[in-house]
Amino acid sequence: MGNGAKAAQKRERNAAKAGATAKSQLKVNQAAMNIICQTCRQTFLLTTRAPALEEHAQNKHGKTMADCFPNVNAPK
């Protein structure tokens, strides 16, 4: 038996051990979109930091972060 057959058998064994294929992160990311701009209703990930939200409010709407995102606590 050649090395090619051994490699193929090993791939088959490893595939059987691994079980399912890679899972998609799309549903989890969609669920984490829970910061919503009150002006344009654009969603942002939960992990979005205050400077990015402030930039959105200034550039898109000419407002403060508190106006667009009243539920987000700004760092002091």
PDB file of N, CA and C in Angstrom:
ATOM      1  N   MET A   1       0.843  -1.157   0.000  1.00  0.00           N
ATOM      2  CA  MET A   1       0.000   0.000   0.000  1.00  0.00           C
ATOM      3  C   MET A   1       0.903   1.239   0.000  1.00  0.00           C
ATOM      4  N   GLY A   2       0.564   2.211  -0.863  1.00  0.00           N
ATOM      5  CA  GLY A   2       1.382   3.414  -0.966  1.00  0.00           C
ATOM      6  C   GLY A   2       0.977   4.459   0.054  1.00  0.00           C
ATOM      7  N   ASN A   3       1.777   5.497   0.123  1.00  0.00           N
ATOM      8  CA  ASN A   3       1.502   6.564   1.066  1.00  0.00           C
ATOM      9  C   ASN A   3       0.228   7.320   0.720  1.00  0.00           C
ATOM     10  N   GLY A   4      -0.137   7.379  -0.565  1.00  0.00           N
ATOM     11  CA  GLY A   4      -1.352   8.073  -0.976  1.00  0.00           C
ATOM     12  C   GLY A   4      -2.585   7.424  -0.370  1.00  0.00           C
ATOM     13  N   ALA A   5      -2.600   6.103  -0.318  1.00  0.00           N
ATOM     14  CA  ALA A   5      -3.738   5.390   0.261  1.00  0.00           C
ATOM     15  C   ALA A   5      -3.798   5.622   1.775  1.00  0.00           C
ATOM     16  N   LYS A   6      -2.640   5.667   2.421  1.00  0.00           N
ATOM     17  CA  LYS A   6      -2.609   5.921   3.864  1.00  0.00           C
ATOM     18  C   LYS A   6      -3.151   7.317   4.169  1.00  0.00           C
ATOM     19  N   ALA A   7      -2.757   8.271   3.360  1.00  0.00           N
ATOM     20  CA  ALA A   7      -3.222   9.639   3.578  1.00  0.00           C
ATOM     21  C   ALA A   7      -4.731   9.731   3.385  1.00  0.00           C
ATOM     22  N   ALA A   8      -5.235   9.049   2.378  1.00  0.00           N
ATOM     23  CA  ALA A   8      -6.680   9.071   2.118  1.00  0.00           C
ATOM     24  C   ALA A   8      -7.436   8.431   3.279  1.00  0.00           C
ATOM     25  N   GLN A   9      -6.909   7.315   3.804  1.00  0.00           N
ATOM     26  CA  GLN A   9      -7.557   6.648   4.931  1.00  0.00           C
ATOM     27  C   GLN A   9      -7.532   7.546   6.173  1.00  0.00           C
ATOM     28  N   LYS A  10      -6.409   8.217   6.384  1.00  0.00           N
ATOM     29  CA  LYS A  10      -6.305   9.097   7.537  1.00  0.00           C
ATOM     30  C   LYS A  10      -7.291  10.264   7.416  1.00  0.00           C
ATOM     31  N   ARG A  11      -7.434  10.828   6.220  1.00  0.00           N
ATOM     32  CA  ARG A  11      -8.405  11.904   6.007  1.00  0.00           C
ATOM     33  C   ARG A  11      -9.821  11.422   6.295  1.00  0.00           C
ATOM     34  N   GLU A  12     -10.146  10.211   5.863  1.00  0.00           N
ATOM     35  CA  GLU A  12     -11.471   9.651   6.116  1.00  0.00           C
ATOM     36  C   GLU A  12     -11.710   9.458   7.613  1.00  0.00           C
ATOM     37  N   ARG A  13     -10.712   8.932   8.327  1.00  0.00           N
ATOM     38  CA  ARG A  13     -10.843   8.746   9.773  1.00  0.00           C
ATOM     39  C   ARG A  13     -11.008  10.086  10.486  1.00  0.00           C
ATOM     40  N   ASN A  14     -10.214  11.061  10.112  1.00  0.00           N
ATOM     41  CA  ASN A  14     -10.297  12.378  10.749  1.00  0.00           C
ATOM     42  C   ASN A  14     -11.632  13.047  10.450  1.00  0.00           C
ATOM     43  N   ALA A  15     -12.143  12.860   9.241  1.00  0.00           N
ATOM     44  CA  ALA A  15     -13.436  13.442   8.891  1.00  0.00           C
ATOM     45  C   ALA A  15     -14.543  12.804   9.715  1.00  0.00           C
ATOM     46  N   ALA A  16     -14.434  11.518   9.963  1.00  0.00           N
ATOM     47  CA  ALA A  16     -15.437  10.827  10.770  1.00  0.00           C
ATOM     48  C   ALA A  16     -15.374  11.299  12.229  1.00  0.00           C
ATOM     49  N   LYS A  17     -14.163  11.546  12.730  1.00  0.00           N
ATOM     50  CA  LYS A  17     -14.003  12.032  14.102  1.00  0.00           C
ATOM     51  C   LYS A  17     -14.522  13.456  14.244  1.00  0.00           C
ATOM     52  N   ALA A  18     -14.282  14.275  13.245  1.00  0.00           N
ATOM     53  CA  ALA A  18     -14.651  15.686  13.323  1.00  0.00           C
ATOM     54  C   ALA A  18     -16.159  15.866  13.335  1.00  0.00           C
ATOM     55  N   GLY A  19     -16.875  14.999  12.694  1.00  0.00           N
ATOM     56  CA  GLY A  19     -18.335  15.091  12.688  1.00  0.00           C
ATOM     57  C   GLY A  19     -18.817  16.147  11.726  1.00  0.00           C
ATOM     58  N   ALA A  20     -19.491  17.157  12.240  1.00  0.00           N
ATOM     59  CA  ALA A  20     -20.100  18.182  11.396  1.00  0.00           C
ATOM     60  C   ALA A  20     -19.026  19.094  10.801  1.00  0.00           C
ATOM     61  N   THR A  21     -19.419  19.772   9.756  1.00  0.00           N
ATOM     62  CA  THR A  21     -18.517  20.721   9.121  1.00  0.00           C
ATOM     63  C   THR A  21     -18.520  22.021   9.920  1.00  0.00           C
ATOM     64  N   ALA A  22     -17.759  22.971   9.468  1.00  0.00           N
ATOM     65  CA  ALA A  22     -17.666  24.257  10.154  1.00  0.00           C
ATOM     66  C   ALA A  22     -19.032  24.925  10.215  1.00  0.00           C
ATOM     67  N   LYS A  23     -19.299  25.564  11.334  1.00  0.00           N
ATOM     68  CA  LYS A  23     -20.590  26.209  11.520  1.00  0.00           C
ATOM     69  C   LYS A  23     -20.487  27.686  11.167  1.00  0.00           C
ATOM     70  N   SER A  24     -21.550  28.216  10.643  1.00  0.00           N
ATOM     71  CA  SER A  24     -21.581  29.613  10.243  1.00  0.00           C
ATOM     72  C   SER A  24     -21.789  30.515  11.462  1.00  0.00           C
ATOM     73  N   GLN A  25     -21.186  31.672  11.433  1.00  0.00           N
ATOM     74  CA  GLN A  25     -21.286  32.651  12.509  1.00  0.00           C
ATOM     75  C   GLN A  25     -22.350  33.705  12.200  1.00  0.00           C
ATOM     76  N   LEU A  26     -22.999  33.609  11.040  1.00  0.00           N
ATOM     77  CA  LEU A  26     -23.916  34.656  10.593  1.00  0.00           C
ATOM     78  C   LEU A  26     -25.093  34.872  11.534  1.00  0.00           C
ATOM     79  N   LYS A  27     -25.715  33.811  12.011  1.00  0.00           N
ATOM     80  CA  LYS A  27     -26.880  33.955  12.899  1.00  0.00           C
ATOM     81  C   LYS A  27     -26.488  34.575  14.226  1.00  0.00           C
ATOM     82  N   VAL A  28     -25.338  34.202  14.739  1.00  0.00           N
ATOM     83  CA  VAL A  28     -24.862  34.749  16.007  1.00  0.00           C
ATOM     84  C   VAL A  28     -24.546  36.234  15.843  1.00  0.00           C
ATOM     85  N   ASN A  29     -23.897  36.586  14.729  1.00  0.00           N
ATOM     86  CA  ASN A  29     -23.582  37.989  14.481  1.00  0.00           C
ATOM     87  C   ASN A  29     -24.849  38.817  14.323  1.00  0.00           C
ATOM     88  N   GLN A  30     -25.843  38.274  13.654  1.00  0.00           N
ATOM     89  CA  GLN A  30     -27.098  38.995  13.457  1.00  0.00           C
ATOM     90  C   GLN A  30     -27.794  39.240  14.798  1.00  0.00           C
ATOM     91  N   ALA A  31     -27.728  38.253  15.680  1.00  0.00           N
ATOM     92  CA  ALA A  31     -28.357  38.400  16.990  1.00  0.00           C
ATOM     93  C   ALA A  31     -27.620  39.429  17.856  1.00  0.00           C
ATOM     94  N   ALA A  32     -26.315  39.609  17.606  1.00  0.00           N
ATOM     95  CA  ALA A  32     -25.523  40.549  18.400  1.00  0.00           C
ATOM     96  C   ALA A  32     -25.670  41.993  17.917  1.00  0.00           C
ATOM     97  N   MET A  33     -26.410  42.215  16.844  1.00  0.00           N
ATOM     98  CA  MET A  33     -26.627  43.566  16.321  1.00  0.00           C
ATOM     99  C   MET A  33     -27.728  44.233  17.137  1.00  0.00           C
ATOM    100  N   ASN A  34     -27.405  44.662  18.337  1.00  0.00           N
ATOM    101  CA  ASN A  34     -28.462  45.183  19.192  1.00  0.00           C
ATOM    102  C   ASN A  34     -28.283  46.644  19.592  1.00  0.00           C
ATOM    103  N   ILE A  35     -27.343  47.353  18.988  1.00  0.00           N
ATOM    104  CA  ILE A  35     -27.256  48.799  19.173  1.00  0.00           C
ATOM    105  C   ILE A  35     -27.878  49.412  17.925  1.00  0.00           C
ATOM    106  N   ILE A  36     -28.914  50.215  18.103  1.00  0.00           N
ATOM    107  CA  ILE A  36     -29.657  50.753  16.967  1.00  0.00           C
ATOM    108  C   ILE A  36     -29.647  52.279  17.030  1.00  0.00           C
ATOM    109  N   CYS A  37     -29.266  52.891  15.917  1.00  0.00           N
ATOM    110  CA  CYS A  37     -29.317  54.348  15.806  1.00  0.00           C
ATOM    111  C   CYS A  37     -30.786  54.751  15.740  1.00  0.00           C
ATOM    112  N   GLN A  38     -31.193  55.663  16.615  1.00  0.00           N
ATOM    113  CA  GLN A  38     -32.593  56.074  16.679  1.00  0.00           C
ATOM    114  C   GLN A  38     -32.979  56.992  15.527  1.00  0.00           C
ATOM    115  N   THR A  39     -32.002  57.527  14.810  1.00  0.00           N
ATOM    116  CA  THR A  39     -32.291  58.421  13.696  1.00  0.00           C
ATOM    117  C   THR A  39     -32.503  57.648  12.402  1.00  0.00           C
ATOM    118  N   CYS A  40     -31.550  56.765  12.056  1.00  0.00           N
ATOM    119  CA  CYS A  40     -31.632  56.057  10.774  1.00  0.00           C
ATOM    120  C   CYS A  40     -31.912  54.566  10.929  1.00  0.00           C
ATOM    121  N   ARG A  41     -31.982  54.085  12.163  1.00  0.00           N
ATOM    122  CA  ARG A  41     -32.277  52.684  12.481  1.00  0.00           C
ATOM    123  C   ARG A  41     -31.192  51.710  12.004  1.00  0.00           C
ATOM    124  N   GLN A  42     -29.980  52.199  11.779  1.00  0.00           N
ATOM    125  CA  GLN A  42     -28.872  51.317  11.429  1.00  0.00           C
ATOM    126  C   GLN A  42     -28.455  50.534  12.662  1.00  0.00           C
ATOM    127  N   THR A  43     -28.131  49.250  12.478  1.00  0.00           N
ATOM    128  CA  THR A  43     -27.748  48.410  13.605  1.00  0.00           C
ATOM    129  C   THR A  43     -26.230  48.304  13.704  1.00  0.00           C
ATOM    130  N   PHE A  44     -25.765  48.148  14.938  1.00  0.00           N
ATOM    131  CA  PHE A  44     -24.345  47.994  15.221  1.00  0.00           C
ATOM    132  C   PHE A  44     -24.172  46.809  16.161  1.00  0.00           C
ATOM    133  N   LEU A  45     -23.015  46.157  16.061  1.00  0.00           N
ATOM    134  CA  LEU A  45     -22.704  45.046  16.950  1.00  0.00           C
ATOM    135  C   LEU A  45     -22.609  45.526  18.388  1.00  0.00           C
ATOM    136  N   LEU A  46     -22.908  44.642  19.297  1.00  0.00           N
ATOM    137  CA  LEU A  46     -22.841  44.939  20.718  1.00  0.00           C
ATOM    138  C   LEU A  46     -21.441  45.405  21.126  1.00  0.00           C
ATOM    139  N   THR A  47     -20.424  44.925  20.458  1.00  0.00           N
ATOM    140  CA  THR A  47     -19.042  45.240  20.817  1.00  0.00           C
ATOM    141  C   THR A  47     -18.542  46.548  20.214  1.00  0.00           C
ATOM    142  N   THR A  48     -19.390  47.262  19.473  1.00  0.00           N
ATOM    143  CA  THR A  48     -18.971  48.532  18.874  1.00  0.00           C
ATOM    144  C   THR A  48     -18.671  49.535  19.978  1.00  0.00           C
ATOM    145  N   ARG A  49     -17.537  50.175  19.869  1.00  0.00           N
ATOM    146  CA  ARG A  49     -17.096  51.111  20.910  1.00  0.00           C
ATOM    147  C   ARG A  49     -17.664  52.506  20.671  1.00  0.00           C
ATOM    148  N   ALA A  50     -17.652  53.290  21.724  1.00  0.00           N
ATOM    149  CA  ALA A  50     -18.237  54.626  21.712  1.00  0.00           C
ATOM    150  C   ALA A  50     -17.654  55.544  20.628  1.00  0.00           C
ATOM    151  N   PRO A  51     -16.337  55.539  20.363  1.00  0.00           N
ATOM    152  CA  PRO A  51     -15.826  56.433  19.316  1.00  0.00           C
ATOM    153  C   PRO A  51     -16.437  56.159  17.934  1.00  0.00           C
ATOM    154  N   ALA A  52     -16.694  54.910  17.625  1.00  0.00           N
ATOM    155  CA  ALA A  52     -17.306  54.582  16.337  1.00  0.00           C
ATOM    156  C   ALA A  52     -18.757  55.053  16.289  1.00  0.00           C
ATOM    157  N   LEU A  53     -19.456  54.938  17.401  1.00  0.00           N
ATOM    158  CA  LEU A  53     -20.842  55.408  17.457  1.00  0.00           C
ATOM    159  C   LEU A  53     -20.889  56.936  17.395  1.00  0.00           C
ATOM    160  N   GLU A  54     -19.953  57.589  18.069  1.00  0.00           N
ATOM    161  CA  GLU A  54     -19.873  59.051  18.026  1.00  0.00           C
ATOM    162  C   GLU A  54     -19.580  59.523  16.602  1.00  0.00           C
ATOM    163  N   GLU A  55     -18.685  58.805  15.925  1.00  0.00           N
ATOM    164  CA  GLU A  55     -18.349  59.145  14.541  1.00  0.00           C
ATOM    165  C   GLU A  55     -19.572  59.009  13.635  1.00  0.00           C
ATOM    166  N   HIS A  56     -20.343  57.956  13.820  1.00  0.00           N
ATOM    167  CA  HIS A  56     -21.562  57.759  13.031  1.00  0.00           C
ATOM    168  C   HIS A  56     -22.530  58.922  13.272  1.00  0.00           C
ATOM    169  N   ALA A  57     -22.747  59.261  14.523  1.00  0.00           N
ATOM    170  CA  ALA A  57     -23.696  60.322  14.856  1.00  0.00           C
ATOM    171  C   ALA A  57     -23.262  61.661  14.255  1.00  0.00           C
ATOM    172  N   GLN A  58     -21.980  61.974  14.325  1.00  0.00           N
ATOM    173  CA  GLN A  58     -21.480  63.244  13.793  1.00  0.00           C
ATOM    174  C   GLN A  58     -21.498  63.271  12.269  1.00  0.00           C
ATOM    175  N   ASN A  59     -20.988  62.222  11.642  1.00  0.00           N
ATOM    176  CA  ASN A  59     -20.833  62.216  10.186  1.00  0.00           C
ATOM    177  C   ASN A  59     -22.158  62.035   9.447  1.00  0.00           C
ATOM    178  N   LYS A  60     -23.017  61.196   9.957  1.00  0.00           N
ATOM    179  CA  LYS A  60     -24.260  60.900   9.247  1.00  0.00           C
ATOM    180  C   LYS A  60     -25.377  61.875   9.578  1.00  0.00           C
ATOM    181  N   HIS A  61     -25.429  62.341  10.832  1.00  0.00           N
ATOM    182  CA  HIS A  61     -26.589  63.094  11.269  1.00  0.00           C
ATOM    183  C   HIS A  61     -26.267  64.476  11.848  1.00  0.00           C
ATOM    184  N   GLY A  62     -24.998  64.742  12.152  1.00  0.00           N
ATOM    185  CA  GLY A  62     -24.644  66.015  12.770  1.00  0.00           C
ATOM    186  C   GLY A  62     -25.206  66.142  14.184  1.00  0.00           C
ATOM    187  N   LYS A  63     -25.358  65.006  14.866  1.00  0.00           N
ATOM    188  CA  LYS A  63     -25.904  64.987  16.221  1.00  0.00           C
ATOM    189  C   LYS A  63     -24.866  64.418  17.178  1.00  0.00           C
ATOM    190  N   THR A  64     -25.195  64.438  18.456  1.00  0.00           N
ATOM    191  CA  THR A  64     -24.316  63.824  19.444  1.00  0.00           C
ATOM    192  C   THR A  64     -24.652  62.337  19.563  1.00  0.00           C
ATOM    193  N   MET A  65     -23.751  61.628  20.210  1.00  0.00           N
ATOM    194  CA  MET A  65     -23.977  60.205  20.415  1.00  0.00           C
ATOM    195  C   MET A  65     -25.210  59.972  21.278  1.00  0.00           C
ATOM    196  N   ALA A  66     -25.436  60.843  22.255  1.00  0.00           N
ATOM    197  CA  ALA A  66     -26.594  60.691  23.143  1.00  0.00           C
ATOM    198  C   ALA A  66     -27.909  60.859  22.384  1.00  0.00           C
ATOM    199  N   ASP A  67     -27.911  61.686  21.343  1.00  0.00           N
ATOM    200  CA  ASP A  67     -29.125  61.867  20.548  1.00  0.00           C
ATOM    201  C   ASP A  67     -29.446  60.621  19.730  1.00  0.00           C
ATOM    202  N   CYS A  68     -28.420  60.031  19.119  1.00  0.00           N
ATOM    203  CA  CYS A  68     -28.637  58.866  18.248  1.00  0.00           C
ATOM    204  C   CYS A  68     -28.720  57.552  19.019  1.00  0.00           C
ATOM    205  N   PHE A  69     -27.978  57.453  20.101  1.00  0.00           N
ATOM    206  CA  PHE A  69     -27.905  56.203  20.866  1.00  0.00           C
ATOM    207  C   PHE A  69     -28.195  56.480  22.344  1.00  0.00           C
ATOM    208  N   PRO A  70     -29.433  56.773  22.690  1.00  0.00           N
ATOM    209  CA  PRO A  70     -29.736  57.135  24.088  1.00  0.00           C
ATOM    210  C   PRO A  70     -29.550  55.981  25.074  1.00  0.00           C
ATOM    211  N   ASN A  71     -29.591  54.741  24.607  1.00  0.00           N
ATOM    212  CA  ASN A  71     -29.496  53.591  25.509  1.00  0.00           C
ATOM    213  C   ASN A  71     -28.055  53.140  25.740  1.00  0.00           C
ATOM    214  N   VAL A  72     -27.106  53.731  25.028  1.00  0.00           N
ATOM    215  CA  VAL A  72     -25.696  53.344  25.164  1.00  0.00           C
ATOM    216  C   VAL A  72     -25.030  54.276  26.149  1.00  0.00           C
ATOM    217  N   ASN A  73     -24.347  53.706  27.114  1.00  0.00           N
ATOM    218  CA  ASN A  73     -23.628  54.519  28.112  1.00  0.00           C
ATOM    219  C   ASN A  73     -22.279  54.928  27.547  1.00  0.00           C
ATOM    220  N   ALA A  74     -22.052  56.216  27.435  1.00  0.00           N
ATOM    221  CA  ALA A  74     -20.772  56.723  26.943  1.00  0.00           C
ATOM    222  C   ALA A  74     -19.735  56.639  28.054  1.00  0.00           C
ATOM    223  N   PRO A  75     -18.494  56.293  27.703  1.00  0.00           N
ATOM    224  CA  PRO A  75     -17.448  56.248  28.739  1.00  0.00           C
ATOM    225  C   PRO A  75     -17.158  57.650  29.243  1.00  0.00           C
ATOM    226  N   LYS A  76     -16.821  57.731  30.524  1.00  0.00           N
ATOM    227  CA  LYS A  76     -16.601  59.052  31.123  1.00  0.00           C
ATOM    228  C   LYS A  76     -15.145  59.348  31.275  1.00  0.00           C
TER     229      LYS A  76
END
